[in-house]
Amino acid sequence: MPPTTTAAAPSVLITNFANQMASLYHNEGNSLFVDEAPQSEVGRATLVTLGFGCFFFDYDNDGWPDIFVADAISKTRSSACRSA
């Protein structure tokens, strides 16, 4: 399930240190956030990276928020995850 990002219930993405996947907290409402990263492409794509900056945006104009993570390990690589 792709992350939903609305003004009423925004999801939160937190980058972590190398060998720790990013955390993608899906807003379930009532102040409850669930980390969806371990079972998603976001977790696998960010496991070996050191993320310094990230944001949601619609990269391919399909109406779903995509995620960009700036990677500090490699000067030529960044992780981008598409919502499917």
N, C-alpha and C. Protein backbone atom coordinates (compact mmCIF):
# COMPACT_ATOMS: atom_id res chain seq x y z
N MET A 1 0.85 -1.18 0.00
CA MET A 1 0.00 0.00 0.00
C MET A 1 0.89 1.23 0.00
N PRO A 2 0.73 2.13 -0.94
CA PRO A 2 1.55 3.33 -0.97
C PRO A 2 1.20 4.26 0.18
N PRO A 3 2.16 5.06 0.61
CA PRO A 3 1.86 5.99 1.70
C PRO A 3 0.86 7.04 1.24
N THR A 4 -0.06 7.38 2.10
CA THR A 4 -1.00 8.45 1.78
C THR A 4 -0.54 9.69 2.52
N THR A 5 -0.52 10.78 1.83
CA THR A 5 -0.09 12.02 2.43
C THR A 5 -1.15 13.06 2.18
N THR A 6 -1.86 13.41 3.21
CA THR A 6 -2.86 14.45 3.10
C THR A 6 -2.63 15.45 4.22
N ALA A 7 -3.24 16.59 4.13
CA ALA A 7 -3.09 17.60 5.17
C ALA A 7 -3.65 17.09 6.50
N ALA A 8 -4.69 16.27 6.45
CA ALA A 8 -5.31 15.78 7.67
C ALA A 8 -4.54 14.62 8.30
N ALA A 9 -3.88 13.79 7.49
CA ALA A 9 -3.18 12.62 8.01
C ALA A 9 -1.87 12.40 7.27
N PRO A 10 -0.85 13.23 7.51
CA PRO A 10 0.41 13.08 6.79
C PRO A 10 1.21 11.87 7.27
N SER A 11 1.90 11.24 6.34
CA SER A 11 2.86 10.20 6.70
C SER A 11 4.19 10.87 7.00
N VAL A 12 5.06 10.16 7.71
CA VAL A 12 6.36 10.72 8.10
C VAL A 12 7.46 9.77 7.67
N LEU A 13 8.50 10.29 7.02
CA LEU A 13 9.66 9.51 6.62
C LEU A 13 10.86 10.02 7.39
N ILE A 14 11.59 9.11 8.05
CA ILE A 14 12.77 9.47 8.82
C ILE A 14 13.95 8.65 8.30
N THR A 15 15.01 9.33 7.89
CA THR A 15 16.20 8.61 7.46
C THR A 15 17.01 8.21 8.69
N ASN A 16 17.78 7.14 8.55
CA ASN A 16 18.57 6.63 9.65
C ASN A 16 20.02 6.46 9.24
N PHE A 17 20.82 5.92 10.15
CA PHE A 17 22.24 5.72 9.89
C PHE A 17 22.44 4.55 8.94
N ALA A 18 23.66 4.38 8.42
CA ALA A 18 23.98 3.29 7.51
C ALA A 18 23.64 1.94 8.15
N ASN A 19 23.17 1.00 7.34
CA ASN A 19 22.77 -0.34 7.76
C ASN A 19 21.53 -0.34 8.65
N GLN A 20 20.77 0.75 8.60
CA GLN A 20 19.47 0.84 9.26
C GLN A 20 18.50 1.42 8.24
N MET A 21 17.43 0.72 7.98
CA MET A 21 16.50 1.23 6.97
C MET A 21 15.78 2.48 7.46
N ALA A 22 15.36 3.28 6.51
CA ALA A 22 14.57 4.47 6.84
C ALA A 22 13.26 4.01 7.47
N SER A 23 12.66 4.87 8.24
CA SER A 23 11.36 4.57 8.86
C SER A 23 10.28 5.35 8.13
N LEU A 24 9.27 4.65 7.68
CA LEU A 24 8.14 5.27 6.98
C LEU A 24 6.90 5.07 7.85
N TYR A 25 6.56 6.10 8.59
CA TYR A 25 5.43 6.02 9.53
C TYR A 25 4.15 6.44 8.83
N HIS A 26 3.24 5.49 8.67
CA HIS A 26 1.93 5.75 8.07
C HIS A 26 1.00 6.21 9.18
N ASN A 27 0.31 7.32 8.95
CA ASN A 27 -0.61 7.87 9.93
C ASN A 27 -1.92 7.10 9.90
N GLU A 28 -2.18 6.37 10.98
CA GLU A 28 -3.41 5.59 11.10
C GLU A 28 -4.54 6.40 11.74
N GLY A 29 -4.25 7.62 12.15
CA GLY A 29 -5.24 8.46 12.83
C GLY A 29 -5.15 8.28 14.33
N ASN A 30 -5.80 9.16 15.07
CA ASN A 30 -5.81 9.11 16.53
C ASN A 30 -4.41 9.07 17.13
N SER A 31 -3.47 9.80 16.54
CA SER A 31 -2.08 9.89 17.00
C SER A 31 -1.35 8.56 16.95
N LEU A 32 -1.75 7.64 16.07
CA LEU A 32 -1.11 6.34 15.92
C LEU A 32 -0.38 6.29 14.58
N PHE A 33 0.92 6.02 14.64
CA PHE A 33 1.75 5.88 13.44
C PHE A 33 2.33 4.47 13.42
N VAL A 34 2.31 3.82 12.26
CA VAL A 34 2.83 2.46 12.11
C VAL A 34 3.96 2.51 11.08
N ASP A 35 5.11 1.90 11.43
CA ASP A 35 6.26 1.88 10.53
C ASP A 35 6.02 0.85 9.44
N GLU A 36 5.80 1.31 8.22
CA GLU A 36 5.53 0.45 7.07
C GLU A 36 6.80 0.07 6.30
N ALA A 37 7.95 0.64 6.66
CA ALA A 37 9.17 0.42 5.91
C ALA A 37 9.63 -1.04 5.85
N PRO A 38 9.59 -1.80 6.95
CA PRO A 38 10.11 -3.17 6.88
C PRO A 38 9.45 -4.05 5.82
N GLN A 39 8.19 -3.85 5.52
CA GLN A 39 7.52 -4.68 4.52
C GLN A 39 7.33 -3.95 3.19
N SER A 40 8.05 -2.86 2.98
CA SER A 40 7.89 -2.09 1.74
C SER A 40 9.21 -1.94 1.00
N GLU A 41 9.10 -1.44 -0.22
CA GLU A 41 10.29 -1.15 -1.02
C GLU A 41 11.16 -0.09 -0.36
N VAL A 42 10.56 0.80 0.40
CA VAL A 42 11.31 1.85 1.09
C VAL A 42 12.35 1.24 2.02
N GLY A 43 11.96 0.24 2.79
CA GLY A 43 12.89 -0.40 3.70
C GLY A 43 14.05 -1.06 2.98
N ARG A 44 13.75 -1.83 1.95
CA ARG A 44 14.81 -2.53 1.20
C ARG A 44 15.73 -1.55 0.50
N ALA A 45 15.21 -0.49 -0.08
CA ALA A 45 16.01 0.46 -0.85
C ALA A 45 16.93 1.31 0.03
N THR A 46 16.60 1.46 1.30
CA THR A 46 17.37 2.36 2.16
C THR A 46 18.19 1.63 3.20
N LEU A 47 18.21 0.30 3.18
CA LEU A 47 18.90 -0.45 4.23
C LEU A 47 20.40 -0.18 4.29
N VAL A 48 21.07 -0.06 3.16
CA VAL A 48 22.52 0.10 3.17
C VAL A 48 22.97 1.54 2.93
N THR A 49 22.05 2.48 2.99
CA THR A 49 22.40 3.88 2.73
C THR A 49 22.42 4.69 4.02
N LEU A 50 23.01 5.85 3.94
CA LEU A 50 23.01 6.82 5.03
C LEU A 50 22.26 8.03 4.52
N GLY A 51 21.03 8.17 4.91
CA GLY A 51 20.18 9.24 4.39
C GLY A 51 20.33 10.54 5.16
N PHE A 52 20.43 11.64 4.41
CA PHE A 52 20.55 12.95 5.03
C PHE A 52 19.36 13.86 4.78
N GLY A 53 18.66 13.65 3.74
CA GLY A 53 17.50 14.47 3.45
C GLY A 53 16.49 13.65 2.68
N CYS A 54 15.21 13.96 2.86
CA CYS A 54 14.18 13.20 2.17
C CYS A 54 12.93 14.06 2.02
N PHE A 55 12.12 13.72 1.03
CA PHE A 55 10.85 14.41 0.87
C PHE A 55 9.93 13.60 -0.03
N PHE A 56 8.63 13.84 0.10
CA PHE A 56 7.61 13.26 -0.76
C PHE A 56 7.36 14.21 -1.92
N PHE A 57 7.21 13.67 -3.12
CA PHE A 57 6.80 14.47 -4.28
C PHE A 57 6.29 13.51 -5.35
N ASP A 58 5.56 14.01 -6.29
CA ASP A 58 5.00 13.18 -7.36
C ASP A 58 5.94 13.22 -8.56
N TYR A 59 6.96 12.38 -8.54
CA TYR A 59 8.01 12.34 -9.57
C TYR A 59 7.46 12.06 -10.97
N ASP A 60 6.54 11.11 -11.07
CA ASP A 60 6.07 10.68 -12.38
C ASP A 60 4.65 11.13 -12.71
N ASN A 61 4.13 12.09 -11.94
CA ASN A 61 2.81 12.66 -12.18
C ASN A 61 1.70 11.62 -12.28
N ASP A 62 1.77 10.57 -11.42
CA ASP A 62 0.73 9.57 -11.43
C ASP A 62 -0.29 9.78 -10.31
N GLY A 63 -0.14 10.86 -9.56
CA GLY A 63 -1.07 11.16 -8.48
C GLY A 63 -0.69 10.55 -7.14
N TRP A 64 0.36 9.74 -7.10
CA TRP A 64 0.82 9.11 -5.86
C TRP A 64 2.12 9.76 -5.41
N PRO A 65 2.28 9.99 -4.11
CA PRO A 65 3.54 10.59 -3.64
C PRO A 65 4.69 9.60 -3.77
N ASP A 66 5.78 10.05 -4.36
CA ASP A 66 7.01 9.28 -4.44
C ASP A 66 7.95 9.83 -3.38
N ILE A 67 9.03 9.10 -3.10
CA ILE A 67 9.96 9.48 -2.04
C ILE A 67 11.35 9.65 -2.62
N PHE A 68 12.02 10.73 -2.24
CA PHE A 68 13.42 10.94 -2.60
C PHE A 68 14.23 10.97 -1.30
N VAL A 69 15.35 10.22 -1.28
CA VAL A 69 16.26 10.22 -0.13
C VAL A 69 17.65 10.54 -0.65
N ALA A 70 18.27 11.59 -0.12
CA ALA A 70 19.65 11.92 -0.47
C ALA A 70 20.56 11.00 0.31
N ASP A 71 21.48 10.34 -0.40
CA ASP A 71 22.37 9.33 0.16
C ASP A 71 23.76 9.91 0.36
N ALA A 72 24.32 9.74 1.55
CA ALA A 72 25.63 10.31 1.86
C ALA A 72 26.77 9.34 1.61
N ILE A 73 26.48 8.06 1.37
CA ILE A 73 27.54 7.07 1.16
C ILE A 73 28.21 7.27 -0.19
N SER A 74 27.43 7.46 -1.22
CA SER A 74 27.95 7.58 -2.58
C SER A 74 27.64 8.97 -3.12
N LYS A 75 28.60 9.57 -3.78
CA LYS A 75 28.38 10.90 -4.35
C LYS A 75 27.52 10.85 -5.60
N THR A 76 27.33 9.65 -6.16
CA THR A 76 26.59 9.54 -7.42
C THR A 76 25.27 8.81 -7.29
N ARG A 77 24.89 8.38 -6.10
CA ARG A 77 23.68 7.58 -5.95
C ARG A 77 22.70 8.19 -4.95
N SER A 78 21.46 8.21 -5.31
CA SER A 78 20.38 8.59 -4.41
C SER A 78 19.30 7.55 -4.56
N SER A 79 18.48 7.36 -3.55
CA SER A 79 17.41 6.39 -3.60
C SER A 79 16.10 7.10 -3.90
N ALA A 80 15.39 6.58 -4.85
CA ALA A 80 14.05 7.09 -5.14
C ALA A 80 13.11 5.90 -5.16
N CYS A 81 12.04 5.97 -4.43
CA CYS A 81 11.05 4.89 -4.37
C CYS A 81 9.76 5.38 -4.95
N ARG A 82 9.22 4.59 -5.87
CA ARG A 82 7.95 4.93 -6.49
C ARG A 82 6.82 4.24 -5.78
N SER A 83 5.72 4.90 -5.66
CA SER A 83 4.49 4.27 -5.18
C SER A 83 3.91 3.47 -6.34
N ALA A 84 3.45 2.27 -6.05
CA ALA A 84 2.88 1.45 -7.13
C ALA A 84 1.42 1.20 -6.89
